[in-house]
Amino acid sequence: MRDSAFVDSNIWLYAMAQSDDAAGDIRYAKAKAFLLGLPRPKVNSQVIRDVCCNLLKKSRIKEAAIQTYVLAWYRNCDVVSSNAEQFLLASGLRQSGDFSYWDSLIVAAALDAGCTTLFSEDMQHGRVLRGQLTIVNPFQAA
């Protein structure tokens, strides 16, 4: 099976944010370059909603830009649909105390989609889940 990657909201936000913070933080440029190097990453609607909401609130991006981003996700990424199995898997991850509510849904979507890598800045770098999915912080990875 070919490696496939799921990209969490925070990486997209760094790449897409238009903020005064972007000038002084190297993660913004790194995130853009990183995402451009990924062939058809996977996301789900939770990631899209989260990124769009934060871009509207924090970066004050216009609706026209949001529309362009949404179309680009559906054109250039594999958008993973939610299903009952994902929600039950996420519930199990929460019951074991491993993840918060929102993080458990991201992890469950990545596992359900058969991903081998979950790129996220705010989960445990290097952790392997179910012998299948490795969490990688692209800002920390070599």
Protein backbone atom coordinates (compact mmCIF):
# COMPACT_ATOMS: atom_id res chain seq x y z
CA MET A 1 0.00 0.00 0.00
CA ARG A 2 1.23 3.47 -0.89
CA ASP A 3 1.91 5.83 2.01
CA SER A 4 -0.85 8.31 2.56
CA ALA A 5 -0.89 11.33 4.81
CA PHE A 6 -3.61 13.15 6.72
CA VAL A 7 -2.94 16.81 7.52
CA ASP A 8 -4.38 18.39 10.67
CA SER A 9 -5.85 21.91 10.81
CA ASN A 10 -2.89 23.63 12.41
CA ILE A 11 -0.56 22.90 9.47
CA TRP A 12 -3.09 24.32 7.00
CA LEU A 13 -3.58 27.39 9.18
CA TYR A 14 0.11 28.18 9.20
CA ALA A 15 0.24 27.84 5.42
CA MET A 16 -2.84 29.95 4.76
CA ALA A 17 -2.86 32.56 7.52
CA GLN A 18 -2.37 36.17 6.62
CA SER A 19 -1.18 37.74 9.80
CA ASP A 20 1.47 40.02 11.23
CA ASP A 21 2.71 36.95 13.12
CA ALA A 22 3.64 35.29 9.83
CA ALA A 23 6.60 37.60 9.31
CA GLY A 24 8.35 36.56 12.52
CA ASP A 25 7.49 32.87 12.64
CA ILE A 26 9.32 30.43 10.36
CA ARG A 27 6.49 27.88 10.65
CA TYR A 28 4.37 29.88 8.20
CA ALA A 29 6.89 29.53 5.36
CA LYS A 30 7.75 25.94 6.33
CA ALA A 31 4.07 24.93 6.29
CA LYS A 32 3.55 26.36 2.80
CA ALA A 33 6.60 24.57 1.40
CA PHE A 34 5.69 21.37 3.24
CA LEU A 35 2.13 21.23 1.89
CA LEU A 36 3.25 21.96 -1.66
CA GLY A 37 5.45 18.85 -1.44
CA LEU A 38 2.66 16.48 -0.42
CA PRO A 39 0.89 14.55 -3.18
CA ARG A 40 -2.89 14.54 -2.52
CA PRO A 41 -2.97 14.70 1.26
CA LYS A 42 -6.11 13.64 3.08
CA VAL A 43 -8.32 15.95 5.14
CA ASN A 44 -11.86 15.75 6.41
CA SER A 45 -14.66 18.27 6.68
CA GLN A 46 -13.73 18.94 10.31
CA VAL A 47 -10.32 20.24 9.17
CA ILE A 48 -11.90 22.34 6.43
CA ARG A 49 -14.46 23.85 8.83
CA ASP A 50 -11.85 24.56 11.50
CA VAL A 51 -9.41 26.21 9.10
CA CYS A 52 -12.10 28.33 7.41
CA CYS A 53 -13.53 29.48 10.75
CA ASN A 54 -10.11 30.49 12.05
CA LEU A 55 -9.12 32.21 8.81
CA LEU A 56 -12.31 34.27 8.90
CA LYS A 57 -11.92 35.20 12.58
CA LYS A 58 -8.19 35.59 13.02
CA SER A 59 -6.84 36.45 9.58
CA ARG A 60 -9.91 38.34 8.41
CA ILE A 61 -9.78 36.59 5.06
CA LYS A 62 -12.59 37.46 2.66
CA GLU A 63 -15.28 34.99 1.65
CA ALA A 64 -13.96 34.86 -1.91
CA ALA A 65 -10.65 33.51 -0.61
CA ILE A 66 -12.47 30.96 1.57
CA GLN A 67 -14.39 29.76 -1.48
CA THR A 68 -11.14 29.41 -3.43
CA TYR A 69 -9.58 27.40 -0.57
CA VAL A 70 -12.56 25.07 -0.30
CA LEU A 71 -12.48 24.35 -4.03
CA ALA A 72 -8.72 23.76 -3.85
CA TRP A 73 -9.13 21.22 -1.02
CA TYR A 74 -11.67 19.26 -3.03
CA ARG A 75 -9.54 19.49 -6.18
CA ASN A 76 -6.10 18.76 -4.68
CA CYS A 77 -6.79 16.59 -1.62
CA ASP A 78 -8.73 13.49 -0.76
CA VAL A 79 -11.56 14.67 1.49
CA VAL A 80 -12.48 11.85 3.87
CA SER A 81 -16.17 11.46 4.69
CA SER A 82 -17.29 10.89 8.26
CA ASN A 83 -19.04 7.67 9.20
CA ALA A 84 -20.29 5.81 12.26
CA GLU A 85 -17.15 3.69 12.50
CA GLN A 86 -15.01 6.83 12.81
CA PHE A 87 -17.14 8.20 15.63
CA LEU A 88 -16.99 4.88 17.49
CA LEU A 89 -13.23 4.65 16.97
CA ALA A 90 -12.86 8.21 18.25
CA SER A 91 -14.94 7.30 21.29
CA GLY A 92 -12.59 4.40 22.02
CA LEU A 93 -9.58 6.69 21.74
CA ARG A 94 -11.18 9.07 24.25
CA GLN A 95 -12.12 6.24 26.62
CA SER A 96 -8.51 5.09 26.71
CA GLY A 97 -7.57 8.64 27.69
CA ASP A 98 -5.36 9.11 24.66
CA PHE A 99 -6.96 12.11 22.98
CA SER A 100 -9.31 15.05 23.41
CA TYR A 101 -12.67 15.04 21.66
CA TRP A 102 -11.54 16.97 18.57
CA ASP A 103 -8.15 15.25 18.27
CA SER A 104 -9.80 11.84 18.57
CA LEU A 105 -11.99 12.63 15.56
CA ILE A 106 -8.93 13.62 13.50
CA VAL A 107 -7.02 10.48 14.50
CA ALA A 108 -10.04 8.28 13.81
CA ALA A 109 -10.54 9.82 10.35
CA ALA A 110 -6.87 9.26 9.51
CA LEU A 111 -6.99 5.65 10.71
CA ASP A 112 -10.26 4.98 8.87
CA ALA A 113 -8.78 6.42 5.67
CA GLY A 114 -5.85 4.01 5.91
CA CYS A 115 -3.28 6.75 6.39
CA THR A 116 0.21 5.91 7.56
CA THR A 117 1.10 9.45 8.69
CA LEU A 118 -0.84 12.14 10.52
CA PHE A 119 0.88 15.51 10.27
CA SER A 120 0.01 17.64 13.29
CA GLU A 121 1.84 20.19 15.37
CA ASP A 122 -0.07 19.61 18.58
CA MET A 123 -0.15 15.86 19.05
CA GLN A 124 2.61 13.55 20.30
CA HIS A 125 5.38 13.53 17.66
CA GLY A 126 6.57 10.02 16.81
CA ARG A 127 3.67 8.19 18.43
CA VAL A 128 2.45 5.13 16.50
CA LEU A 129 -1.21 4.20 16.76
CA ARG A 130 -2.57 0.75 16.07
CA GLY A 131 0.65 -0.20 14.31
CA GLN A 132 -0.52 1.86 11.34
CA LEU A 133 -0.49 5.60 11.92
CA THR A 134 2.53 7.68 12.96
CA ILE A 135 2.01 11.20 14.25
CA VAL A 136 4.61 13.55 12.79
CA ASN A 137 5.17 17.20 13.63
CA PRO A 138 6.56 18.53 10.33
CA PHE A 139 8.23 21.41 12.19
CA GLN A 140 10.07 18.95 14.42
CA ALA A 141 10.82 16.20 11.89
CA ALA A 142 14.30 15.97 10.48
